[in-house]
Structures are given as structure tokens and as C-alpha cells.
PDB file of all heavy atoms in Angstrom:
ATOM      1  N   LYS A   1      44.762  74.545 -34.861  1.00  0.00           N
ATOM      2  CA  LYS A   1      44.750  75.545 -33.739  1.00  0.00           C
ATOM      3  C   LYS A   1      44.556  74.838 -32.398  1.00  0.00           C
ATOM      4  O   LYS A   1      45.150  75.190 -31.399  1.00  0.00           O
ATOM      5  CB  LYS A   1      43.595  76.536 -34.021  1.00  0.00           C
ATOM      6  CG  LYS A   1      43.981  77.466 -35.187  1.00  0.00           C
ATOM      7  CD  LYS A   1      42.808  78.450 -35.386  1.00  0.00           C
ATOM      8  CE  LYS A   1      43.147  79.346 -36.576  1.00  0.00           C
ATOM      9  NZ  LYS A   1      42.046  80.395 -36.764  1.00  0.00           N
ATOM     10  N   ALA A   2      43.727  73.787 -32.383  1.00  0.00           N
ATOM     11  CA  ALA A   2      43.485  73.092 -31.127  1.00  0.00           C
ATOM     12  C   ALA A   2      44.814  72.354 -30.695  1.00  0.00           C
ATOM     13  O   ALA A   2      45.117  72.317 -29.511  1.00  0.00           O
ATOM     14  CB  ALA A   2      42.372  72.023 -31.351  1.00  0.00           C
ATOM     15  N   LEU A   3      45.486  71.797 -31.695  1.00  0.00           N
ATOM     16  CA  LEU A   3      46.782  71.140 -31.350  1.00  0.00           C
ATOM     17  C   LEU A   3      47.775  72.114 -30.754  1.00  0.00           C
ATOM     18  O   LEU A   3      48.509  71.840 -29.800  1.00  0.00           O
ATOM     19  CB  LEU A   3      47.372  70.414 -32.478  1.00  0.00           C
ATOM     20  CG  LEU A   3      46.707  69.092 -32.973  1.00  0.00           C
ATOM     21  CD1 LEU A   3      47.304  68.515 -34.248  1.00  0.00           C
ATOM     22  CD2 LEU A   3      46.881  68.015 -31.849  1.00  0.00           C
ATOM     23  N   TYR A   4      47.809  73.318 -31.412  1.00  0.00           N
ATOM     24  CA  TYR A   4      48.784  74.389 -30.925  1.00  0.00           C
ATOM     25  C   TYR A   4      48.478  74.740 -29.403  1.00  0.00           C
ATOM     26  O   TYR A   4      49.309  74.830 -28.618  1.00  0.00           O
ATOM     27  CB  TYR A   4      48.539  75.653 -31.759  1.00  0.00           C
ATOM     28  CG  TYR A   4      49.244  76.820 -31.302  1.00  0.00           C
ATOM     29  CD1 TYR A   4      50.597  76.993 -31.461  1.00  0.00           C
ATOM     30  CD2 TYR A   4      48.533  77.806 -30.593  1.00  0.00           C
ATOM     31  CE1 TYR A   4      51.312  78.194 -30.955  1.00  0.00           C
ATOM     32  CE2 TYR A   4      49.184  78.997 -30.095  1.00  0.00           C
ATOM     33  CZ  TYR A   4      50.534  79.132 -30.293  1.00  0.00           C
ATOM     34  OH  TYR A   4      51.221  80.234 -29.739  1.00  0.00           O
ATOM     35  N   TYR A   5      47.137  74.921 -29.168  1.00  0.00           N
ATOM     36  CA  TYR A   5      46.796  75.308 -27.816  1.00  0.00           C
ATOM     37  C   TYR A   5      46.904  74.181 -26.837  1.00  0.00           C
ATOM     38  O   TYR A   5      47.154  74.372 -25.594  1.00  0.00           O
ATOM     39  CB  TYR A   5      45.393  75.928 -27.795  1.00  0.00           C
ATOM     40  CG  TYR A   5      45.473  77.402 -28.088  1.00  0.00           C
ATOM     41  CD1 TYR A   5      45.135  77.943 -29.235  1.00  0.00           C
ATOM     42  CD2 TYR A   5      45.888  78.327 -27.011  1.00  0.00           C
ATOM     43  CE1 TYR A   5      45.223  79.362 -29.551  1.00  0.00           C
ATOM     44  CE2 TYR A   5      45.978  79.645 -27.289  1.00  0.00           C
ATOM     45  CZ  TYR A   5      45.650  80.123 -28.545  1.00  0.00           C
ATOM     46  OH  TYR A   5      45.743  81.518 -28.710  1.00  0.00           O
ATOM     47  N   LEU A   6      46.786  72.966 -27.232  1.00  0.00           N
ATOM     48  CA  LEU A   6      47.127  71.765 -26.466  1.00  0.00           C
ATOM     49  C   LEU A   6      48.565  71.908 -26.016  1.00  0.00           C
ATOM     50  O   LEU A   6      49.022  71.531 -24.862  1.00  0.00           O
ATOM     51  CB  LEU A   6      46.821  70.503 -27.150  1.00  0.00           C
ATOM     52  CG  LEU A   6      45.315  70.100 -27.201  1.00  0.00           C
ATOM     53  CD1 LEU A   6      45.095  69.036 -28.206  1.00  0.00           C
ATOM     54  CD2 LEU A   6      44.801  69.703 -25.838  1.00  0.00           C
ATOM     55  N   GLY A   7      49.479  72.234 -26.947  1.00  0.00           N
ATOM     56  CA  GLY A   7      50.902  72.470 -26.680  1.00  0.00           C
ATOM     57  C   GLY A   7      51.052  73.554 -25.638  1.00  0.00           C
ATOM     58  O   GLY A   7      51.858  73.487 -24.724  1.00  0.00           O
ATOM     59  N   ARG A   8      50.322  74.623 -25.872  1.00  0.00           N
ATOM     60  CA  ARG A   8      50.451  75.800 -25.053  1.00  0.00           C
ATOM     61  C   ARG A   8      49.923  75.489 -23.548  1.00  0.00           C
ATOM     62  O   ARG A   8      50.530  76.009 -22.536  1.00  0.00           O
ATOM     63  CB  ARG A   8      49.565  76.974 -25.517  1.00  0.00           C
ATOM     64  CG  ARG A   8      50.135  77.681 -26.750  1.00  0.00           C
ATOM     65  CD  ARG A   8      51.369  78.568 -26.434  1.00  0.00           C
ATOM     66  NE  ARG A   8      51.190  79.443 -25.252  1.00  0.00           N
ATOM     67  CZ  ARG A   8      50.644  80.635 -25.358  1.00  0.00           C
ATOM     68  NH1 ARG A   8      50.250  81.098 -26.551  1.00  0.00           N
ATOM     69  NH2 ARG A   8      50.505  81.428 -24.405  1.00  0.00           N
ATOM     70  N   VAL A   9      48.897  74.737 -23.443  1.00  0.00           N
ATOM     71  CA  VAL A   9      48.313  74.350 -22.169  1.00  0.00           C
ATOM     72  C   VAL A   9      49.420  73.669 -21.278  1.00  0.00           C
ATOM     73  O   VAL A   9      49.644  73.961 -20.175  1.00  0.00           O
ATOM     74  CB  VAL A   9      47.122  73.455 -22.287  1.00  0.00           C
ATOM     75  CG1 VAL A   9      46.730  72.776 -20.980  1.00  0.00           C
ATOM     76  CG2 VAL A   9      45.987  74.237 -22.724  1.00  0.00           C
ATOM     77  N   HIS A  10      50.058  72.619 -21.952  1.00  0.00           N
ATOM     78  CA  HIS A  10      51.072  71.888 -21.220  1.00  0.00           C
ATOM     79  C   HIS A  10      52.387  72.700 -21.007  1.00  0.00           C
ATOM     80  O   HIS A  10      53.091  72.409 -20.095  1.00  0.00           O
ATOM     81  CB  HIS A  10      51.347  70.499 -21.883  1.00  0.00           C
ATOM     82  CG  HIS A  10      50.288  69.510 -21.604  1.00  0.00           C
ATOM     83  ND1 HIS A  10      50.339  68.657 -20.526  1.00  0.00           N
ATOM     84  CD2 HIS A  10      49.125  69.242 -22.278  1.00  0.00           C
ATOM     85  CE1 HIS A  10      49.276  67.972 -20.512  1.00  0.00           C
ATOM     86  NE2 HIS A  10      48.486  68.305 -21.594  1.00  0.00           N
ATOM     87  N   GLU A  11      52.701  73.641 -21.890  1.00  0.00           N
ATOM     88  CA  GLU A  11      53.795  74.506 -21.644  1.00  0.00           C
ATOM     89  C   GLU A  11      53.594  75.399 -20.483  1.00  0.00           C
ATOM     90  O   GLU A  11      54.412  75.578 -19.661  1.00  0.00           O
ATOM     91  CB  GLU A  11      53.987  75.363 -22.929  1.00  0.00           C
ATOM     92  CG  GLU A  11      55.314  76.219 -22.829  1.00  0.00           C
ATOM     93  CD  GLU A  11      55.518  77.082 -24.042  1.00  0.00           C
ATOM     94  OE1 GLU A  11      54.793  76.887 -25.100  1.00  0.00           O
ATOM     95  OE2 GLU A  11      56.442  77.924 -23.992  1.00  0.00           O
ATOM     96  N   GLU A  12      52.418  75.986 -20.348  1.00  0.00           N
ATOM     97  CA  GLU A  12      52.012  76.826 -19.231  1.00  0.00           C
ATOM     98  C   GLU A  12      52.033  75.911 -17.950  1.00  0.00           C
ATOM     99  O   GLU A  12      52.554  76.334 -16.896  1.00  0.00           O
ATOM    100  CB  GLU A  12      50.651  77.425 -19.433  1.00  0.00           C
ATOM    101  CG  GLU A  12      50.601  78.479 -20.454  1.00  0.00           C
ATOM    102  CD  GLU A  12      51.269  79.798 -20.132  1.00  0.00           C
ATOM    103  OE1 GLU A  12      51.465  80.016 -18.850  1.00  0.00           O
ATOM    104  OE2 GLU A  12      51.653  80.616 -20.926  1.00  0.00           O
ATOM    105  N   LEU A  13      51.484  74.698 -18.032  1.00  0.00           N
ATOM    106  CA  LEU A  13      51.473  73.794 -16.912  1.00  0.00           C
ATOM    107  C   LEU A  13      52.919  73.570 -16.378  1.00  0.00           C
ATOM    108  O   LEU A  13      53.266  73.442 -15.270  1.00  0.00           O
ATOM    109  CB  LEU A  13      50.755  72.513 -17.225  1.00  0.00           C
ATOM    110  CG  LEU A  13      50.351  71.582 -16.103  1.00  0.00           C
ATOM    111  CD1 LEU A  13      49.662  72.251 -15.004  1.00  0.00           C
ATOM    112  CD2 LEU A  13      49.544  70.443 -16.739  1.00  0.00           C
ATOM    113  N   GLY A  14      53.754  73.248 -17.378  1.00  0.00           N
ATOM    114  CA  GLY A  14      55.107  72.968 -17.097  1.00  0.00           C
ATOM    115  C   GLY A  14      55.913  74.091 -16.358  1.00  0.00           C
ATOM    116  O   GLY A  14      56.825  73.792 -15.471  1.00  0.00           O
ATOM    117  N   GLN A  15      55.487  75.242 -16.760  1.00  0.00           N
ATOM    118  CA  GLN A  15      56.152  76.450 -16.089  1.00  0.00           C
ATOM    119  C   GLN A  15      55.715  76.572 -14.663  1.00  0.00           C
ATOM    120  O   GLN A  15      56.420  77.283 -13.896  1.00  0.00           O
ATOM    121  CB  GLN A  15      55.803  77.743 -16.873  1.00  0.00           C
ATOM    122  CG  GLN A  15      56.434  77.738 -18.280  1.00  0.00           C
ATOM    123  CD  GLN A  15      55.912  78.968 -19.132  1.00  0.00           C
ATOM    124  OE1 GLN A  15      55.146  79.747 -18.689  1.00  0.00           O
ATOM    125  NE2 GLN A  15      56.359  79.065 -20.313  1.00  0.00           N
ATOM    126  N   ARG A  16      54.630  75.970 -14.293  1.00  0.00           N
ATOM    127  CA  ARG A  16      54.102  75.989 -12.893  1.00  0.00           C
ATOM    128  C   ARG A  16      54.550  74.744 -12.120  1.00  0.00           C
ATOM    129  O   ARG A  16      54.777  74.894 -10.922  1.00  0.00           O
ATOM    130  CB  ARG A  16      52.634  76.244 -12.933  1.00  0.00           C
ATOM    131  CG  ARG A  16      52.200  77.594 -13.456  1.00  0.00           C
ATOM    132  CD  ARG A  16      50.793  77.676 -13.876  1.00  0.00           C
ATOM    133  NE  ARG A  16      50.348  79.040 -14.233  1.00  0.00           N
ATOM    134  CZ  ARG A  16      50.654  79.653 -15.377  1.00  0.00           C
ATOM    135  NH1 ARG A  16      51.390  78.965 -16.271  1.00  0.00           N
ATOM    136  NH2 ARG A  16      50.279  80.843 -15.612  1.00  0.00           N
ATOM    137  N   SER A  17      54.513  73.558 -12.780  1.00  0.00           N
ATOM    138  CA  SER A  17      54.805  72.325 -12.164  1.00  0.00           C
ATOM    139  C   SER A  17      56.288  72.009 -12.117  1.00  0.00           C
ATOM    140  O   SER A  17      56.743  71.227 -11.232  1.00  0.00           O
ATOM    141  CB  SER A  17      54.071  71.157 -12.816  1.00  0.00           C
ATOM    142  OG  SER A  17      54.675  70.915 -14.105  1.00  0.00           O
ATOM    143  N   PHE A  18      57.034  72.543 -13.046  1.00  0.00           N
ATOM    144  CA  PHE A  18      58.449  72.321 -13.216  1.00  0.00           C
ATOM    145  C   PHE A  18      58.730  70.779 -13.528  1.00  0.00           C
ATOM    146  O   PHE A  18      59.857  70.362 -13.275  1.00  0.00           O
ATOM    147  CB  PHE A  18      59.261  72.744 -11.973  1.00  0.00           C
ATOM    148  CG  PHE A  18      59.124  74.200 -11.646  1.00  0.00           C
ATOM    149  CD1 PHE A  18      58.322  74.642 -10.682  1.00  0.00           C
ATOM    150  CD2 PHE A  18      59.822  75.148 -12.383  1.00  0.00           C
ATOM    151  CE1 PHE A  18      58.144  75.930 -10.368  1.00  0.00           C
ATOM    152  CE2 PHE A  18      59.684  76.444 -12.096  1.00  0.00           C
ATOM    153  CZ  PHE A  18      58.877  76.931 -11.084  1.00  0.00           C
ATOM    154  N   LEU A  19      57.720  70.111 -14.090  1.00  0.00           N
ATOM    155  CA  LEU A  19      57.910  68.708 -14.362  1.00  0.00           C
ATOM    156  C   LEU A  19      58.296  68.585 -15.895  1.00  0.00           C
ATOM    157  O   LEU A  19      57.659  69.172 -16.790  1.00  0.00           O
ATOM    158  CB  LEU A  19      56.548  67.961 -14.185  1.00  0.00           C
ATOM    159  CG  LEU A  19      56.097  67.876 -12.717  1.00  0.00           C
ATOM    160  CD1 LEU A  19      54.701  67.132 -12.709  1.00  0.00           C
ATOM    161  CD2 LEU A  19      57.028  67.092 -11.872  1.00  0.00           C
ATOM    162  N   ALA A  20      59.340  67.813 -16.056  1.00  0.00           N
ATOM    163  CA  ALA A  20      59.768  67.527 -17.421  1.00  0.00           C
ATOM    164  C   ALA A  20      58.669  66.879 -18.314  1.00  0.00           C
ATOM    165  O   ALA A  20      58.567  67.133 -19.465  1.00  0.00           O
ATOM    166  CB  ALA A  20      61.059  66.699 -17.447  1.00  0.00           C
ATOM    167  N   ALA A  21      57.844  66.083 -17.630  1.00  0.00           N
ATOM    168  CA  ALA A  21      56.821  65.356 -18.372  1.00  0.00           C
ATOM    169  C   ALA A  21      55.869  66.273 -19.011  1.00  0.00           C
ATOM    170  O   ALA A  21      55.243  66.043 -20.083  1.00  0.00           O
ATOM    171  CB  ALA A  21      56.094  64.434 -17.454  1.00  0.00           C
ATOM    172  N   ASP A  22      55.529  67.417 -18.315  1.00  0.00           N
ATOM    173  CA  ASP A  22      54.636  68.417 -18.906  1.00  0.00           C
ATOM    174  C   ASP A  22      55.219  69.067 -20.127  1.00  0.00           C
ATOM    175  O   ASP A  22      54.550  69.393 -21.205  1.00  0.00           O
ATOM    176  CB  ASP A  22      54.278  69.496 -17.882  1.00  0.00           C
ATOM    177  CG  ASP A  22      53.233  68.946 -16.805  1.00  0.00           C
ATOM    178  OD1 ASP A  22      52.510  68.050 -17.128  1.00  0.00           O
ATOM    179  OD2 ASP A  22      53.392  69.368 -15.714  1.00  0.00           O
ATOM    180  N   PHE A  23      56.550  69.396 -20.110  1.00  0.00           N
ATOM    181  CA  PHE A  23      57.216  69.967 -21.261  1.00  0.00           C
ATOM    182  C   PHE A  23      57.272  68.979 -22.368  1.00  0.00           C
ATOM    183  O   PHE A  23      57.238  69.256 -23.539  1.00  0.00           O
ATOM    184  CB  PHE A  23      58.575  70.463 -20.837  1.00  0.00           C
ATOM    185  CG  PHE A  23      58.570  71.727 -20.009  1.00  0.00           C
ATOM    186  CD1 PHE A  23      59.016  71.737 -18.716  1.00  0.00           C
ATOM    187  CD2 PHE A  23      57.957  72.871 -20.435  1.00  0.00           C
ATOM    188  CE1 PHE A  23      59.012  72.841 -17.934  1.00  0.00           C
ATOM    189  CE2 PHE A  23      57.985  74.016 -19.691  1.00  0.00           C
ATOM    190  CZ  PHE A  23      58.438  74.016 -18.417  1.00  0.00           C
ATOM    191  N   GLU A  24      57.461  67.628 -22.003  1.00  0.00           N
ATOM    192  CA  GLU A  24      57.557  66.647 -23.017  1.00  0.00           C
ATOM    193  C   GLU A  24      56.242  66.533 -23.767  1.00  0.00           C
ATOM    194  O   GLU A  24      56.134  66.379 -24.987  1.00  0.00           O
ATOM    195  CB  GLU A  24      57.869  65.233 -22.338  1.00  0.00           C
ATOM    196  CG  GLU A  24      59.301  65.175 -21.836  1.00  0.00           C
ATOM    197  CD  GLU A  24      60.297  64.740 -22.871  1.00  0.00           C
ATOM    198  OE1 GLU A  24      59.995  64.755 -24.046  1.00  0.00           O
ATOM    199  OE2 GLU A  24      61.403  64.412 -22.438  1.00  0.00           O
ATOM    200  N   THR A  25      55.115  66.596 -23.035  1.00  0.00           N
ATOM    201  CA  THR A  25      53.712  66.540 -23.624  1.00  0.00           C
ATOM    202  C   THR A  25      53.569  67.711 -24.557  1.00  0.00           C
ATOM    203  O   THR A  25      52.934  67.672 -25.632  1.00  0.00           O
ATOM    204  CB  THR A  25      52.679  66.535 -22.549  1.00  0.00           C
ATOM    205  OG1 THR A  25      52.942  65.270 -21.683  1.00  0.00           O
ATOM    206  CG2 THR A  25      51.307  66.305 -23.179  1.00  0.00           C
ATOM    207  N   SER A  26      53.965  68.854 -24.088  1.00  0.00           N
ATOM    208  CA  SER A  26      53.847  70.103 -24.843  1.00  0.00           C
ATOM    209  C   SER A  26      54.618  69.965 -26.150  1.00  0.00           C
ATOM    210  O   SER A  26      54.050  70.286 -27.238  1.00  0.00           O
ATOM    211  CB  SER A  26      54.426  71.364 -24.104  1.00  0.00           C
ATOM    212  OG  SER A  26      54.421  72.457 -24.924  1.00  0.00           O
ATOM    213  N   CYS A  27      55.800  69.567 -26.093  1.00  0.00           N
ATOM    214  CA  CYS A  27      56.648  69.261 -27.379  1.00  0.00           C
ATOM    215  C   CYS A  27      55.915  68.308 -28.276  1.00  0.00           C
ATOM    216  O   CYS A  27      55.947  68.480 -29.549  1.00  0.00           O
ATOM    217  CB  CYS A  27      58.013  68.714 -26.975  1.00  0.00           C
ATOM    218  SG  CYS A  27      59.060  70.037 -26.229  1.00  0.00           S
ATOM    219  N   ASP A  28      55.322  67.309 -27.723  1.00  0.00           N
ATOM    220  CA  ASP A  28      54.668  66.280 -28.530  1.00  0.00           C
ATOM    221  C   ASP A  28      53.494  66.882 -29.285  1.00  0.00           C
ATOM    222  O   ASP A  28      53.278  66.667 -30.532  1.00  0.00           O
ATOM    223  CB  ASP A  28      54.153  65.062 -27.663  1.00  0.00           C
ATOM    224  CG  ASP A  28      53.426  64.058 -28.471  1.00  0.00           C
ATOM    225  OD1 ASP A  28      54.076  63.477 -29.353  1.00  0.00           O
ATOM    226  OD2 ASP A  28      52.203  63.823 -28.227  1.00  0.00           O
ATOM    227  N   TYR A  29      52.689  67.670 -28.683  1.00  0.00           N
ATOM    228  CA  TYR A  29      51.612  68.313 -29.284  1.00  0.00           C
ATOM    229  C   TYR A  29      52.136  69.275 -30.435  1.00  0.00           C
ATOM    230  O   TYR A  29      51.521  69.376 -31.493  1.00  0.00           O
ATOM    231  CB  TYR A  29      50.657  69.134 -28.308  1.00  0.00           C
ATOM    232  CG  TYR A  29      49.656  68.251 -27.582  1.00  0.00           C
ATOM    233  CD1 TYR A  29      49.628  68.150 -26.202  1.00  0.00           C
ATOM    234  CD2 TYR A  29      48.710  67.498 -28.371  1.00  0.00           C
ATOM    235  CE1 TYR A  29      48.705  67.313 -25.534  1.00  0.00           C
ATOM    236  CE2 TYR A  29      47.812  66.660 -27.706  1.00  0.00           C
ATOM    237  CZ  TYR A  29      47.854  66.653 -26.290  1.00  0.00           C
ATOM    238  OH  TYR A  29      46.862  65.815 -25.703  1.00  0.00           O
ATOM    239  N   TYR A  30      53.093  70.099 -30.118  1.00  0.00           N
ATOM    240  CA  TYR A  30      53.689  71.004 -31.107  1.00  0.00           C
ATOM    241  C   TYR A  30      54.214  70.305 -32.283  1.00  0.00           C
ATOM    242  O   TYR A  30      53.979  70.655 -33.443  1.00  0.00           O
ATOM    243  CB  TYR A  30      54.806  71.793 -30.470  1.00  0.00           C
ATOM    244  CG  TYR A  30      54.324  72.955 -29.508  1.00  0.00           C
ATOM    245  CD1 TYR A  30      55.134  73.265 -28.417  1.00  0.00           C
ATOM    246  CD2 TYR A  30      53.219  73.629 -29.741  1.00  0.00           C
ATOM    247  CE1 TYR A  30      54.709  74.235 -27.473  1.00  0.00           C
ATOM    248  CE2 TYR A  30      52.834  74.663 -28.889  1.00  0.00           C
ATOM    249  CZ  TYR A  30      53.535  74.880 -27.775  1.00  0.00           C
ATOM    250  OH  TYR A  30      53.166  75.913 -26.939  1.00  0.00           O
ATOM    251  N   GLN A  31      54.821  69.115 -32.060  1.00  0.00           N
ATOM    252  CA  GLN A  31      55.357  68.364 -33.226  1.00  0.00           C
ATOM    253  C   GLN A  31      54.323  67.772 -33.994  1.00  0.00           C
ATOM    254  O   GLN A  31      54.350  67.792 -35.183  1.00  0.00           O
ATOM    255  CB  GLN A  31      56.327  67.205 -32.631  1.00  0.00           C
ATOM    256  CG  GLN A  31      56.854  66.286 -33.757  1.00  0.00           C
ATOM    257  CD  GLN A  31      57.804  67.083 -34.634  1.00  0.00           C
ATOM    258  OE1 GLN A  31      58.520  67.957 -34.124  1.00  0.00           O
ATOM    259  NE2 GLN A  31      57.785  66.751 -35.874  1.00  0.00           N
ATOM    260  N   ARG A  32      53.228  67.309 -33.351  1.00  0.00           N
ATOM    261  CA  ARG A  32      52.030  66.715 -34.060  1.00  0.00           C
ATOM    262  C   ARG A  32      51.454  67.704 -34.972  1.00  0.00           C
ATOM    263  O   ARG A  32      51.077  67.476 -36.120  1.00  0.00           O
ATOM    264  CB  ARG A  32      50.991  66.127 -33.133  1.00  0.00           C
ATOM    265  CG  ARG A  32      51.485  64.813 -32.488  1.00  0.00           C
ATOM    266  CD  ARG A  32      50.652  64.423 -31.323  1.00  0.00           C
ATOM    267  NE  ARG A  32      49.208  64.138 -31.766  1.00  0.00           N
ATOM    268  CZ  ARG A  32      48.232  63.896 -30.883  1.00  0.00           C
ATOM    269  NH1 ARG A  32      48.476  63.827 -29.596  1.00  0.00           N
ATOM    270  NH2 ARG A  32      47.070  63.632 -31.457  1.00  0.00           N
ATOM    271  N   MET A  33      51.319  68.955 -34.529  1.00  0.00           N
ATOM    272  CA  MET A  33      50.640  69.993 -35.333  1.00  0.00           C
ATOM    273  C   MET A  33      51.559  70.338 -36.420  1.00  0.00           C
ATOM    274  O   MET A  33      51.045  70.449 -37.606  1.00  0.00           O
ATOM    275  CB  MET A  33      50.407  71.241 -34.390  1.00  0.00           C
ATOM    276  CG  MET A  33      49.646  72.379 -35.139  1.00  0.00           C
ATOM    277  SD  MET A  33      50.570  73.267 -36.307  1.00  0.00           S
ATOM    278  CE  MET A  33      49.571  74.681 -36.575  1.00  0.00           C
ATOM    279  N   ALA A  34      52.895  70.548 -36.246  1.00  0.00           N
ATOM    280  CA  ALA A  34      53.804  70.911 -37.336  1.00  0.00           C
ATOM    281  C   ALA A  34      53.931  69.796 -38.390  1.00  0.00           C
ATOM    282  O   ALA A  34      54.110  70.071 -39.556  1.00  0.00           O
ATOM    283  CB  ALA A  34      55.157  71.261 -36.752  1.00  0.00           C
ATOM    284  N   THR A  35      53.822  68.551 -37.915  1.00  0.00           N
ATOM    285  CA  THR A  35      53.882  67.465 -38.834  1.00  0.00           C
ATOM    286  C   THR A  35      52.669  67.219 -39.623  1.00  0.00           C
ATOM    287  O   THR A  35      52.725  66.991 -40.903  1.00  0.00           O
ATOM    288  CB  THR A  35      54.214  66.169 -38.109  1.00  0.00           C
ATOM    289  OG1 THR A  35      55.478  66.355 -37.352  1.00  0.00           O
ATOM    290  CG2 THR A  35      54.437  64.946 -39.068  1.00  0.00           C
ATOM    291  N   ARG A  36      51.475  67.332 -38.973  1.00  0.00           N
ATOM    292  CA  ARG A  36      50.247  67.122 -39.657  1.00  0.00           C
ATOM    293  C   ARG A  36      49.872  68.286 -40.484  1.00  0.00           C
ATOM    294  O   ARG A  36      49.181  68.126 -41.563  1.00  0.00           O
ATOM    295  CB  ARG A  36      49.126  66.850 -38.644  1.00  0.00           C
ATOM    296  CG  ARG A  36      49.219  65.448 -38.108  1.00  0.00           C
ATOM    297  CD  ARG A  36      47.776  64.961 -37.741  1.00  0.00           C
ATOM    298  NE  ARG A  36      46.951  64.844 -38.949  1.00  0.00           N
ATOM    299  CZ  ARG A  36      45.602  64.857 -38.845  1.00  0.00           C
ATOM    300  NH1 ARG A  36      44.973  65.014 -37.705  1.00  0.00           N
ATOM    301  NH2 ARG A  36      44.969  64.765 -40.056  1.00  0.00           N
TER     302      ARG A  36
END
């Protein structure tokens, strides 16, 4: 659940910053959660 919300934090941040790096970080957390 913590990994999921880490992804959500950076997804929300990306929607405000419009930075690809924030969306990349969000994807990384989501992938780590789904893989682990």
C-alpha cells in the first residue's frame, strides 16, 4: 500500500509540474509494487 501511494504521490505531482520525470518516478513505484 505504501508503494502504491508513493506512485500516487508522484502521479499527482506530475499532474501539477508537467514534468516527465515525475511521471517516470510514479511508473517506477507502480511497477515495483506490482512486481513485488
